[in-house]
Amino acid sequence: MLGDTSKWFADKGDETLRLDYNLDKESVVFDVGGYMGWFTEHIHKMYESFVYCFEPICKYSELLLIKFATCPNILILPVAISDRVGEGKMYIRDDSS
């Protein structure tokens, strides 16, 4: 069961704590499950790091390719990451993948 998230939202955790890393423009970041690109966008804006953004769902990876087309240090990879080679099912919700 998930705990109470009210403190996280009260502290604006998504905007502050979720992005509090010791990174700089020499850093390399993997965004595994890029979805709409929120994490990639914010990490890039804050730290200018090179971001490898993995997103296997076509409608989202296509959106990301357009969104970051002019960003040379963001690479969109339309693949999933796993411990085995093959195909699998992806379950999609309206607010995440």
C-alpha atoms as a PDB file:
ATOM      1  CA  MET A   1       0.000   0.000   0.000  1.00  0.00           C
ATOM      2  CA  LEU A   2       1.249   3.467  -0.826  1.00  0.00           C
ATOM      3  CA  GLY A   3       1.845   5.905   1.978  1.00  0.00           C
ATOM      4  CA  ASP A   4       0.443   9.389   2.378  1.00  0.00           C
ATOM      5  CA  THR A   5       1.717  11.591  -0.450  1.00  0.00           C
ATOM      6  CA  SER A   6       0.278  14.877   0.825  1.00  0.00           C
ATOM      7  CA  LYS A   7       3.651  16.050   2.213  1.00  0.00           C
ATOM      8  CA  TRP A   8       5.335  15.358  -1.148  1.00  0.00           C
ATOM      9  CA  PHE A   9       2.766  17.497  -2.954  1.00  0.00           C
ATOM     10  CA  ALA A  10       2.768  20.183  -0.243  1.00  0.00           C
ATOM     11  CA  ASP A  11       6.568  20.436  -0.598  1.00  0.00           C
ATOM     12  CA  LYS A  12       6.221  20.505  -4.417  1.00  0.00           C
ATOM     13  CA  GLY A  13       8.366  17.391  -4.588  1.00  0.00           C
ATOM     14  CA  ASP A  14       7.905  16.938  -8.336  1.00  0.00           C
ATOM     15  CA  GLU A  15       9.321  20.416  -8.946  1.00  0.00           C
ATOM     16  CA  THR A  16      12.105  20.385  -6.349  1.00  0.00           C
ATOM     17  CA  LEU A  17      13.100  17.084  -4.744  1.00  0.00           C
ATOM     18  CA  ARG A  18      12.611  14.950  -7.856  1.00  0.00           C
ATOM     19  CA  LEU A  19      15.216  17.000  -9.717  1.00  0.00           C
ATOM     20  CA  ASP A  20      17.765  17.525  -6.944  1.00  0.00           C
ATOM     21  CA  TYR A  21      20.854  15.745  -8.297  1.00  0.00           C
ATOM     22  CA  ASN A  22      24.587  16.384  -8.415  1.00  0.00           C
ATOM     23  CA  LEU A  23      24.689  16.765 -12.208  1.00  0.00           C
ATOM     24  CA  ASP A  24      26.281  19.149 -14.692  1.00  0.00           C
ATOM     25  CA  LYS A  25      26.751  19.441 -18.464  1.00  0.00           C
ATOM     26  CA  GLU A  26      29.349  16.637 -18.369  1.00  0.00           C
ATOM     27  CA  SER A  27      26.815  14.203 -16.865  1.00  0.00           C
ATOM     28  CA  VAL A  28      24.954  11.514 -18.791  1.00  0.00           C
ATOM     29  CA  VAL A  29      21.382  10.710 -17.739  1.00  0.00           C
ATOM     30  CA  PHE A  30      19.145   7.769 -18.727  1.00  0.00           C
ATOM     31  CA  ASP A  31      15.416   8.521 -18.685  1.00  0.00           C
ATOM     32  CA  VAL A  32      13.918   5.031 -18.807  1.00  0.00           C
ATOM     33  CA  GLY A  33      10.286   5.426 -19.821  1.00  0.00           C
ATOM     34  CA  GLY A  34      10.311   8.931 -21.280  1.00  0.00           C
ATOM     35  CA  TYR A  35       6.507   9.136 -21.678  1.00  0.00           C
ATOM     36  CA  MET A  36       5.805  12.851 -22.389  1.00  0.00           C
ATOM     37  CA  GLY A  37       9.367  14.027 -21.689  1.00  0.00           C
ATOM     38  CA  TRP A  38       8.834  15.883 -18.407  1.00  0.00           C
ATOM     39  CA  PHE A  39      11.904  14.455 -16.660  1.00  0.00           C
ATOM     40  CA  THR A  40      14.139  14.765 -19.741  1.00  0.00           C
ATOM     41  CA  GLU A  41      13.064  18.362 -20.316  1.00  0.00           C
ATOM     42  CA  HIS A  42      13.656  19.469 -16.738  1.00  0.00           C
ATOM     43  CA  ILE A  43      16.983  17.656 -16.291  1.00  0.00           C
ATOM     44  CA  HIS A  44      18.213  19.182 -19.547  1.00  0.00           C
ATOM     45  CA  LYS A  45      17.072  22.690 -18.567  1.00  0.00           C
ATOM     46  CA  MET A  46      18.591  22.512 -15.083  1.00  0.00           C
ATOM     47  CA  TYR A  47      21.887  20.772 -15.776  1.00  0.00           C
ATOM     48  CA  GLU A  48      22.450  20.769 -19.574  1.00  0.00           C
ATOM     49  CA  SER A  49      23.299  17.065 -19.233  1.00  0.00           C
ATOM     50  CA  PHE A  50      23.237  14.643 -22.159  1.00  0.00           C
ATOM     51  CA  VAL A  51      20.030  12.618 -21.854  1.00  0.00           C
ATOM     52  CA  TYR A  52      19.286   9.222 -23.372  1.00  0.00           C
ATOM     53  CA  CYS A  53      15.498   9.013 -23.293  1.00  0.00           C
ATOM     54  CA  PHE A  54      14.056   5.502 -23.768  1.00  0.00           C
ATOM     55  CA  GLU A  55      10.372   5.247 -24.742  1.00  0.00           C
ATOM     56  CA  PRO A  56       9.036   2.099 -26.438  1.00  0.00           C
ATOM     57  CA  ILE A  57       5.445   3.274 -27.039  1.00  0.00           C
ATOM     58  CA  CYS A  58       5.316   4.659 -30.590  1.00  0.00           C
ATOM     59  CA  LYS A  59       2.862   7.503 -29.961  1.00  0.00           C
ATOM     60  CA  TYR A  60       5.047   8.810 -27.119  1.00  0.00           C
ATOM     61  CA  SER A  61       8.431   8.274 -28.775  1.00  0.00           C
ATOM     62  CA  GLU A  62       7.187  10.102 -31.891  1.00  0.00           C
ATOM     63  CA  LEU A  63       6.014  12.997 -29.723  1.00  0.00           C
ATOM     64  CA  LEU A  64       9.419  13.083 -27.997  1.00  0.00           C
ATOM     65  CA  LEU A  65      11.282  13.056 -31.329  1.00  0.00           C
ATOM     66  CA  ILE A  66       9.341  16.166 -32.368  1.00  0.00           C
ATOM     67  CA  LYS A  67       9.564  17.868 -28.969  1.00  0.00           C
ATOM     68  CA  PHE A  68      13.351  17.499 -28.722  1.00  0.00           C
ATOM     69  CA  ALA A  69      14.237  17.688 -32.434  1.00  0.00           C
ATOM     70  CA  THR A  70      16.387  20.793 -31.921  1.00  0.00           C
ATOM     71  CA  CYS A  71      18.189  19.523 -28.813  1.00  0.00           C
ATOM     72  CA  PRO A  72      21.461  17.892 -29.902  1.00  0.00           C
ATOM     73  CA  ASN A  73      22.228  16.511 -26.445  1.00  0.00           C
ATOM     74  CA  ILE A  74      18.929  14.667 -26.045  1.00  0.00           C
ATOM     75  CA  LEU A  75      18.731  11.316 -27.822  1.00  0.00           C
ATOM     76  CA  ILE A  76      15.320   9.661 -28.090  1.00  0.00           C
ATOM     77  CA  LEU A  77      15.510   5.870 -28.322  1.00  0.00           C
ATOM     78  CA  PRO A  78      12.194   4.188 -29.272  1.00  0.00           C
ATOM     79  CA  VAL A  79      13.002   0.967 -27.414  1.00  0.00           C
ATOM     80  CA  ALA A  80      12.437  -0.651 -24.036  1.00  0.00           C
ATOM     81  CA  ILE A  81      15.150  -1.774 -21.650  1.00  0.00           C
ATOM     82  CA  SER A  82      15.047  -5.304 -20.264  1.00  0.00           C
ATOM     83  CA  ASP A  83      17.235  -8.106 -19.023  1.00  0.00           C
ATOM     84  CA  ARG A  84      16.249 -10.219 -22.053  1.00  0.00           C
ATOM     85  CA  VAL A  85      15.876  -9.843 -25.805  1.00  0.00           C
ATOM     86  CA  GLY A  86      12.384 -10.188 -27.222  1.00  0.00           C
ATOM     87  CA  GLU A  87       8.952  -8.673 -27.288  1.00  0.00           C
ATOM     88  CA  GLY A  88       6.541  -8.072 -24.463  1.00  0.00           C
ATOM     89  CA  LYS A  89       3.313  -6.348 -23.533  1.00  0.00           C
ATOM     90  CA  MET A  90       3.189  -2.755 -22.371  1.00  0.00           C
ATOM     91  CA  TYR A  91       0.308  -1.595 -20.216  1.00  0.00           C
ATOM     92  CA  ILE A  92      -0.769   1.992 -20.788  1.00  0.00           C
ATOM     93  CA  ARG A  93      -2.702   4.307 -18.480  1.00  0.00           C
ATOM     94  CA  ASP A  94      -3.925   7.771 -19.432  1.00  0.00           C
ATOM     95  CA  ASP A  95      -1.469   9.514 -17.111  1.00  0.00           C
ATOM     96  CA  SER A  96       1.611   7.322 -17.529  1.00  0.00           C
ATOM     97  CA  SER A  97       3.034   4.288 -19.241  1.00  0.00           C
END
